[in-house]
Amino acid sequence: MHYIADQLLTRVATFVEDRLKNRLSQKMYFHNLDHTLLVVKGVEEISRHVGLTAADRLVVVLAAYLHDLGYTEKYIGHEEASAAIAARFLTENNFDQDRIELVGECIMATRFPQYPKNELEMVICDADFYHFSLPNYQDYADRLKAEWEENLGLVYPNTTWDALNLEMLSRHEYFTPYGKKTLQERKMLNINKLTDRIG
């Protein structure tokens, strides 16, 4: 079981890296391979703390790797495209059909606003906003600002962007117990930094 899971994770990592390097627009400053790998890291950390089984952890790690591949096809509605790419890849790799559906549901749960229906979906939703809890959160906010300007034509003055980010961080809630305690505490440091900057 472990051997098969490890093989699949090696394959998915290679598949995702190759696809994002070769098919993703250079103007994707936030939703890129760095973000995907960060979400994988977040999923692994959160899964460990909430005590997911190995089988459940595999589902949610696969979903983390595959959740943004749809950006190689479209910006708006990328989740559906990601779920379709994931289903094709996992079917080709003989993954169990029931669990392919779970991976797809985890990917769709990352749509904003997030409404996760179960623990697996809660884990990936928290991991997708793992960067809210990091000391270099501002770097990610700057990248997203640049990405929105290039891809969506949304241009914000810095003061407006800071206010939007503060509102987002303040309204956002983590779902897992680990998210609500540990990640939330770390996120509060970024809320305080933004509050101080806005003055």
C-alpha atoms as a PDB file:
ATOM      1  CA  MET A   1       0.000   0.000   0.000  1.00  0.00           C
ATOM      2  CA  HIS A   2       2.709   2.472   1.036  1.00  0.00           C
ATOM      3  CA  TYR A   3       4.789   1.560  -2.012  1.00  0.00           C
ATOM      4  CA  ILE A   4       1.865   2.177  -4.382  1.00  0.00           C
ATOM      5  CA  ALA A   5       0.979   5.454  -2.619  1.00  0.00           C
ATOM      6  CA  ASP A   6       4.599   6.650  -2.802  1.00  0.00           C
ATOM      7  CA  GLN A   7       4.781   5.791  -6.498  1.00  0.00           C
ATOM      8  CA  LEU A   8       1.585   7.727  -7.174  1.00  0.00           C
ATOM      9  CA  LEU A   9       2.801  10.751  -5.213  1.00  0.00           C
ATOM     10  CA  THR A  10       6.076  10.746  -7.154  1.00  0.00           C
ATOM     11  CA  ARG A  11       4.111  10.598 -10.412  1.00  0.00           C
ATOM     12  CA  VAL A  12       1.692  13.358  -9.443  1.00  0.00           C
ATOM     13  CA  ALA A  13       4.531  15.644  -8.314  1.00  0.00           C
ATOM     14  CA  THR A  14       6.292  15.199 -11.671  1.00  0.00           C
ATOM     15  CA  PHE A  15       3.055  15.599 -13.656  1.00  0.00           C
ATOM     16  CA  VAL A  16       2.079  18.812 -11.837  1.00  0.00           C
ATOM     17  CA  GLU A  17       5.547  20.366 -12.030  1.00  0.00           C
ATOM     18  CA  ASP A  18       5.799  19.600 -15.738  1.00  0.00           C
ATOM     19  CA  ARG A  19       2.336  20.949 -16.524  1.00  0.00           C
ATOM     20  CA  LEU A  20       2.723  24.158 -14.514  1.00  0.00           C
ATOM     21  CA  LYS A  21       6.196  24.871 -15.912  1.00  0.00           C
ATOM     22  CA  ASN A  22       5.153  24.277 -19.516  1.00  0.00           C
ATOM     23  CA  ARG A  23       1.521  25.345 -19.709  1.00  0.00           C
ATOM     24  CA  LEU A  24       0.968  28.025 -17.082  1.00  0.00           C
ATOM     25  CA  SER A  25       1.080  31.680 -18.103  1.00  0.00           C
ATOM     26  CA  GLN A  26       4.196  33.544 -16.949  1.00  0.00           C
ATOM     27  CA  LYS A  27       1.797  36.164 -15.544  1.00  0.00           C
ATOM     28  CA  MET A  28       0.625  33.827 -12.782  1.00  0.00           C
ATOM     29  CA  TYR A  29       2.647  35.355  -9.981  1.00  0.00           C
ATOM     30  CA  PHE A  30       0.644  33.796  -7.139  1.00  0.00           C
ATOM     31  CA  HIS A  31      -1.179  30.696  -8.419  1.00  0.00           C
ATOM     32  CA  ASN A  32       1.910  28.832  -9.595  1.00  0.00           C
ATOM     33  CA  LEU A  33       4.112  25.895  -8.612  1.00  0.00           C
ATOM     34  CA  ASP A  34       5.284  27.676  -5.426  1.00  0.00           C
ATOM     35  CA  HIS A  35       1.683  28.052  -4.253  1.00  0.00           C
ATOM     36  CA  THR A  36       0.843  24.429  -5.116  1.00  0.00           C
ATOM     37  CA  LEU A  37       3.832  23.116  -3.148  1.00  0.00           C
ATOM     38  CA  LEU A  38       2.919  25.363  -0.227  1.00  0.00           C
ATOM     39  CA  VAL A  39      -0.631  23.950  -0.199  1.00  0.00           C
ATOM     40  CA  VAL A  40       0.824  20.411  -0.255  1.00  0.00           C
ATOM     41  CA  LYS A  41       3.029  21.355   2.717  1.00  0.00           C
ATOM     42  CA  GLY A  42       0.019  22.836   4.516  1.00  0.00           C
ATOM     43  CA  VAL A  43      -2.089  19.720   3.870  1.00  0.00           C
ATOM     44  CA  GLU A  44       0.663  17.468   5.214  1.00  0.00           C
ATOM     45  CA  GLU A  45       1.085  19.587   8.350  1.00  0.00           C
ATOM     46  CA  ILE A  46      -2.649  19.917   9.048  1.00  0.00           C
ATOM     47  CA  SER A  47      -3.337  16.211   8.267  1.00  0.00           C
ATOM     48  CA  ARG A  48      -0.731  15.191  10.817  1.00  0.00           C
ATOM     49  CA  HIS A  49      -2.252  17.373  13.527  1.00  0.00           C
ATOM     50  CA  VAL A  50      -5.860  16.307  12.916  1.00  0.00           C
ATOM     51  CA  GLY A  51      -4.861  12.638  12.690  1.00  0.00           C
ATOM     52  CA  LEU A  52      -6.055  11.667   9.207  1.00  0.00           C
ATOM     53  CA  THR A  53      -5.626   8.023   8.210  1.00  0.00           C
ATOM     54  CA  ALA A  54      -2.983   7.236   5.571  1.00  0.00           C
ATOM     55  CA  ALA A  55      -5.736   6.624   2.975  1.00  0.00           C
ATOM     56  CA  ASP A  56      -7.432   9.959   3.699  1.00  0.00           C
ATOM     57  CA  ARG A  57      -4.123  11.780   3.760  1.00  0.00           C
ATOM     58  CA  LEU A  58      -3.307  10.399   0.308  1.00  0.00           C
ATOM     59  CA  VAL A  59      -6.617  11.730  -1.071  1.00  0.00           C
ATOM     60  CA  VAL A  60      -6.080  15.222   0.282  1.00  0.00           C
ATOM     61  CA  VAL A  61      -2.381  15.403  -0.711  1.00  0.00           C
ATOM     62  CA  LEU A  62      -3.322  14.377  -4.267  1.00  0.00           C
ATOM     63  CA  ALA A  63      -6.020  17.061  -4.276  1.00  0.00           C
ATOM     64  CA  ALA A  64      -3.483  19.641  -3.068  1.00  0.00           C
ATOM     65  CA  TYR A  65      -1.095  18.811  -5.904  1.00  0.00           C
ATOM     66  CA  LEU A  66      -3.845  18.918  -8.539  1.00  0.00           C
ATOM     67  CA  HIS A  67      -6.127  21.690  -7.224  1.00  0.00           C
ATOM     68  CA  ASP A  68      -4.878  24.579  -9.389  1.00  0.00           C
ATOM     69  CA  LEU A  69      -3.961  22.821 -12.645  1.00  0.00           C
ATOM     70  CA  GLY A  70      -7.103  24.286 -14.214  1.00  0.00           C
ATOM     71  CA  TYR A  71      -5.310  27.639 -14.324  1.00  0.00           C
ATOM     72  CA  THR A  72      -3.405  26.198 -17.296  1.00  0.00           C
ATOM     73  CA  GLU A  73      -6.739  26.299 -19.171  1.00  0.00           C
ATOM     74  CA  LYS A  74      -8.765  29.170 -17.694  1.00  0.00           C
ATOM     75  CA  TYR A  75      -8.726  31.699 -14.855  1.00  0.00           C
ATOM     76  CA  ILE A  76     -12.415  31.913 -13.972  1.00  0.00           C
ATOM     77  CA  GLY A  77     -13.823  28.443 -13.297  1.00  0.00           C
ATOM     78  CA  HIS A  78     -10.415  26.860 -12.938  1.00  0.00           C
ATOM     79  CA  GLU A  79     -11.660  24.507 -10.187  1.00  0.00           C
ATOM     80  CA  GLU A  80     -13.874  22.515 -12.565  1.00  0.00           C
ATOM     81  CA  ALA A  81     -10.996  22.295 -15.052  1.00  0.00           C
ATOM     82  CA  SER A  82      -8.639  21.156 -12.244  1.00  0.00           C
ATOM     83  CA  ALA A  83     -11.081  18.452 -11.126  1.00  0.00           C
ATOM     84  CA  ALA A  84     -11.381  17.176 -14.717  1.00  0.00           C
ATOM     85  CA  ILE A  85      -7.576  17.056 -15.183  1.00  0.00           C
ATOM     86  CA  ALA A  86      -7.268  15.295 -11.806  1.00  0.00           C
ATOM     87  CA  ALA A  87      -9.878  12.677 -12.757  1.00  0.00           C
ATOM     88  CA  ARG A  88      -8.100  11.933 -16.048  1.00  0.00           C
ATOM     89  CA  PHE A  89      -4.670  11.667 -14.424  1.00  0.00           C
ATOM     90  CA  LEU A  90      -5.847   9.474 -11.531  1.00  0.00           C
ATOM     91  CA  THR A  91      -7.899   7.200 -13.802  1.00  0.00           C
ATOM     92  CA  GLU A  92      -4.841   6.679 -16.016  1.00  0.00           C
ATOM     93  CA  ASN A  93      -2.907   5.764 -12.873  1.00  0.00           C
ATOM     94  CA  ASN A  94      -5.546   3.218 -11.784  1.00  0.00           C
ATOM     95  CA  PHE A  95      -6.590   5.088  -8.656  1.00  0.00           C
ATOM     96  CA  ASP A  96      -9.810   3.849  -7.062  1.00  0.00           C
ATOM     97  CA  GLN A  97     -12.860   5.505  -8.673  1.00  0.00           C
ATOM     98  CA  ASP A  98     -14.561   6.319  -5.349  1.00  0.00           C
ATOM     99  CA  ARG A  99     -11.453   8.066  -4.139  1.00  0.00           C
ATOM    100  CA  ILE A 100     -11.051   9.935  -7.432  1.00  0.00           C
ATOM    101  CA  GLU A 101     -14.449  11.457  -6.641  1.00  0.00           C
ATOM    102  CA  LEU A 102     -13.224  12.431  -3.174  1.00  0.00           C
ATOM    103  CA  VAL A 103     -10.182  14.154  -4.722  1.00  0.00           C
ATOM    104  CA  GLY A 104     -12.507  16.060  -7.082  1.00  0.00           C
ATOM    105  CA  GLU A 105     -14.760  17.107  -4.197  1.00  0.00           C
ATOM    106  CA  CYS A 106     -11.722  18.360  -2.255  1.00  0.00           C
ATOM    107  CA  ILE A 107     -10.627  20.417  -5.286  1.00  0.00           C
ATOM    108  CA  MET A 108     -14.129  21.899  -5.710  1.00  0.00           C
ATOM    109  CA  ALA A 109     -14.229  22.751  -1.984  1.00  0.00           C
ATOM    110  CA  THR A 110     -11.385  25.260  -2.548  1.00  0.00           C
ATOM    111  CA  ARG A 111     -13.775  27.518  -4.481  1.00  0.00           C
ATOM    112  CA  PHE A 112     -14.204  30.863  -2.775  1.00  0.00           C
ATOM    113  CA  PRO A 113     -16.189  31.341  -0.575  1.00  0.00           C
ATOM    114  CA  GLN A 114     -15.324  27.989   0.952  1.00  0.00           C
ATOM    115  CA  TYR A 115     -18.012  25.645   2.278  1.00  0.00           C
ATOM    116  CA  PRO A 116     -16.263  22.364   3.134  1.00  0.00           C
ATOM    117  CA  LYS A 117     -18.640  19.472   3.866  1.00  0.00           C
ATOM    118  CA  ASN A 118     -16.279  17.100   5.688  1.00  0.00           C
ATOM    119  CA  GLU A 119     -12.891  16.800   7.360  1.00  0.00           C
ATOM    120  CA  LEU A 120     -10.925  16.180   4.149  1.00  0.00           C
ATOM    121  CA  GLU A 121     -12.402  19.282   2.529  1.00  0.00           C
ATOM    122  CA  MET A 122     -11.703  21.291   5.697  1.00  0.00           C
ATOM    123  CA  VAL A 123      -8.043  20.242   5.575  1.00  0.00           C
ATOM    124  CA  ILE A 124      -7.504  21.389   1.974  1.00  0.00           C
ATOM    125  CA  CYS A 125      -9.481  24.600   2.503  1.00  0.00           C
ATOM    126  CA  ASP A 126      -7.257  25.511   5.455  1.00  0.00           C
ATOM    127  CA  ALA A 127      -4.135  24.581   3.473  1.00  0.00           C
ATOM    128  CA  ASP A 128      -5.207  26.769   0.527  1.00  0.00           C
ATOM    129  CA  PHE A 129      -5.016  29.756   2.907  1.00  0.00           C
ATOM    130  CA  TYR A 130      -1.965  28.479   4.774  1.00  0.00           C
ATOM    131  CA  HIS A 131      -0.051  31.539   3.502  1.00  0.00           C
ATOM    132  CA  PHE A 132      -2.286  33.764   5.677  1.00  0.00           C
ATOM    133  CA  SER A 133      -0.378  32.338   8.657  1.00  0.00           C
ATOM    134  CA  LEU A 134       3.165  32.828   7.349  1.00  0.00           C
ATOM    135  CA  PRO A 135       5.635  35.549   8.428  1.00  0.00           C
ATOM    136  CA  ASN A 136       6.151  36.515   4.750  1.00  0.00           C
ATOM    137  CA  TYR A 137       2.413  36.799   4.065  1.00  0.00           C
ATOM    138  CA  GLN A 138       2.927  40.248   2.512  1.00  0.00           C
ATOM    139  CA  ASP A 139       5.018  38.724  -0.298  1.00  0.00           C
ATOM    140  CA  TYR A 140       2.065  36.533  -1.260  1.00  0.00           C
ATOM    141  CA  ALA A 141      -0.345  39.472  -1.098  1.00  0.00           C
ATOM    142  CA  ASP A 142       1.938  41.475  -3.421  1.00  0.00           C
ATOM    143  CA  ARG A 143       2.100  38.577  -5.886  1.00  0.00           C
ATOM    144  CA  LEU A 144      -1.683  38.211  -5.916  1.00  0.00           C
ATOM    145  CA  LYS A 145      -2.093  41.954  -6.506  1.00  0.00           C
ATOM    146  CA  ALA A 146       0.214  41.736  -9.554  1.00  0.00           C
ATOM    147  CA  GLU A 147      -1.591  38.616 -10.810  1.00  0.00           C
ATOM    148  CA  TRP A 148      -5.022  40.249 -10.597  1.00  0.00           C
ATOM    149  CA  GLU A 149      -3.746  43.319 -12.453  1.00  0.00           C
ATOM    150  CA  GLU A 150      -2.366  41.203 -15.309  1.00  0.00           C
ATOM    151  CA  ASN A 151      -5.127  38.602 -15.590  1.00  0.00           C
ATOM    152  CA  LEU A 152      -8.295  40.313 -14.391  1.00  0.00           C
ATOM    153  CA  GLY A 153      -7.537  43.992 -15.030  1.00  0.00           C
ATOM    154  CA  LEU A 154      -8.128  44.762 -11.335  1.00  0.00           C
ATOM    155  CA  VAL A 155      -5.842  47.601 -10.266  1.00  0.00           C
ATOM    156  CA  TYR A 156      -5.777  48.761  -6.639  1.00  0.00           C
ATOM    157  CA  PRO A 157      -3.789  51.558  -4.989  1.00  0.00           C
ATOM    158  CA  ASN A 158      -1.633  50.121  -2.187  1.00  0.00           C
ATOM    159  CA  THR A 159      -3.762  51.632   0.570  1.00  0.00           C
ATOM    160  CA  THR A 160      -6.937  50.107  -0.888  1.00  0.00           C
ATOM    161  CA  TRP A 161      -5.188  46.755  -1.330  1.00  0.00           C
ATOM    162  CA  ASP A 162      -4.019  46.795   2.310  1.00  0.00           C
ATOM    163  CA  ALA A 163      -7.573  47.520   3.452  1.00  0.00           C
ATOM    164  CA  LEU A 164      -8.937  44.691   1.266  1.00  0.00           C
ATOM    165  CA  ASN A 165      -6.347  42.289   2.663  1.00  0.00           C
ATOM    166  CA  LEU A 166      -7.117  43.300   6.229  1.00  0.00           C
ATOM    167  CA  GLU A 167     -10.813  42.687   5.625  1.00  0.00           C
ATOM    168  CA  MET A 168     -10.083  39.322   3.997  1.00  0.00           C
ATOM    169  CA  LEU A 169      -7.837  38.146   6.825  1.00  0.00           C
ATOM    170  CA  SER A 170     -10.246  39.379   9.483  1.00  0.00           C
ATOM    171  CA  ARG A 171     -13.309  37.710   7.945  1.00  0.00           C
ATOM    172  CA  HIS A 172     -11.560  34.479   6.976  1.00  0.00           C
ATOM    173  CA  GLU A 173     -12.001  31.498   9.302  1.00  0.00           C
ATOM    174  CA  TYR A 174     -10.057  28.269   9.421  1.00  0.00           C
ATOM    175  CA  PHE A 175     -12.109  25.070   9.724  1.00  0.00           C
ATOM    176  CA  THR A 176      -9.933  22.386  11.349  1.00  0.00           C
ATOM    177  CA  PRO A 177      -9.091  22.473  15.084  1.00  0.00           C
ATOM    178  CA  TYR A 178      -5.406  22.960  14.151  1.00  0.00           C
ATOM    179  CA  GLY A 179      -6.355  25.809  11.822  1.00  0.00           C
ATOM    180  CA  LYS A 180      -8.582  27.486  14.389  1.00  0.00           C
ATOM    181  CA  LYS A 181      -5.863  27.415  17.024  1.00  0.00           C
ATOM    182  CA  THR A 182      -2.342  27.359  15.555  1.00  0.00           C
ATOM    183  CA  LEU A 183      -2.848  28.872  12.086  1.00  0.00           C
ATOM    184  CA  GLN A 184      -5.294  31.460  13.431  1.00  0.00           C
ATOM    185  CA  GLU A 185      -2.769  32.590  16.057  1.00  0.00           C
ATOM    186  CA  ARG A 186      -0.107  33.014  13.359  1.00  0.00           C
ATOM    187  CA  LYS A 187      -2.581  34.801  11.081  1.00  0.00           C
ATOM    188  CA  MET A 188      -3.355  37.298  13.874  1.00  0.00           C
ATOM    189  CA  LEU A 189       0.271  38.479  13.683  1.00  0.00           C
ATOM    190  CA  ASN A 190      -0.336  39.426  10.023  1.00  0.00           C
ATOM    191  CA  ILE A 191      -3.635  41.111  10.890  1.00  0.00           C
ATOM    192  CA  ASN A 192      -1.779  43.174  13.516  1.00  0.00           C
ATOM    193  CA  LYS A 193       0.970  44.098  11.024  1.00  0.00           C
ATOM    194  CA  LEU A 194      -1.602  45.264   8.474  1.00  0.00           C
ATOM    195  CA  THR A 195      -3.554  47.182  11.112  1.00  0.00           C
ATOM    196  CA  ASP A 196      -0.373  48.973  12.197  1.00  0.00           C
ATOM    197  CA  ARG A 197       0.524  49.824   8.594  1.00  0.00           C
ATOM    198  CA  ILE A 198      -2.902  51.185   7.774  1.00  0.00           C
ATOM    199  CA  GLY A 199      -2.763  53.129  11.023  1.00  0.00           C
END
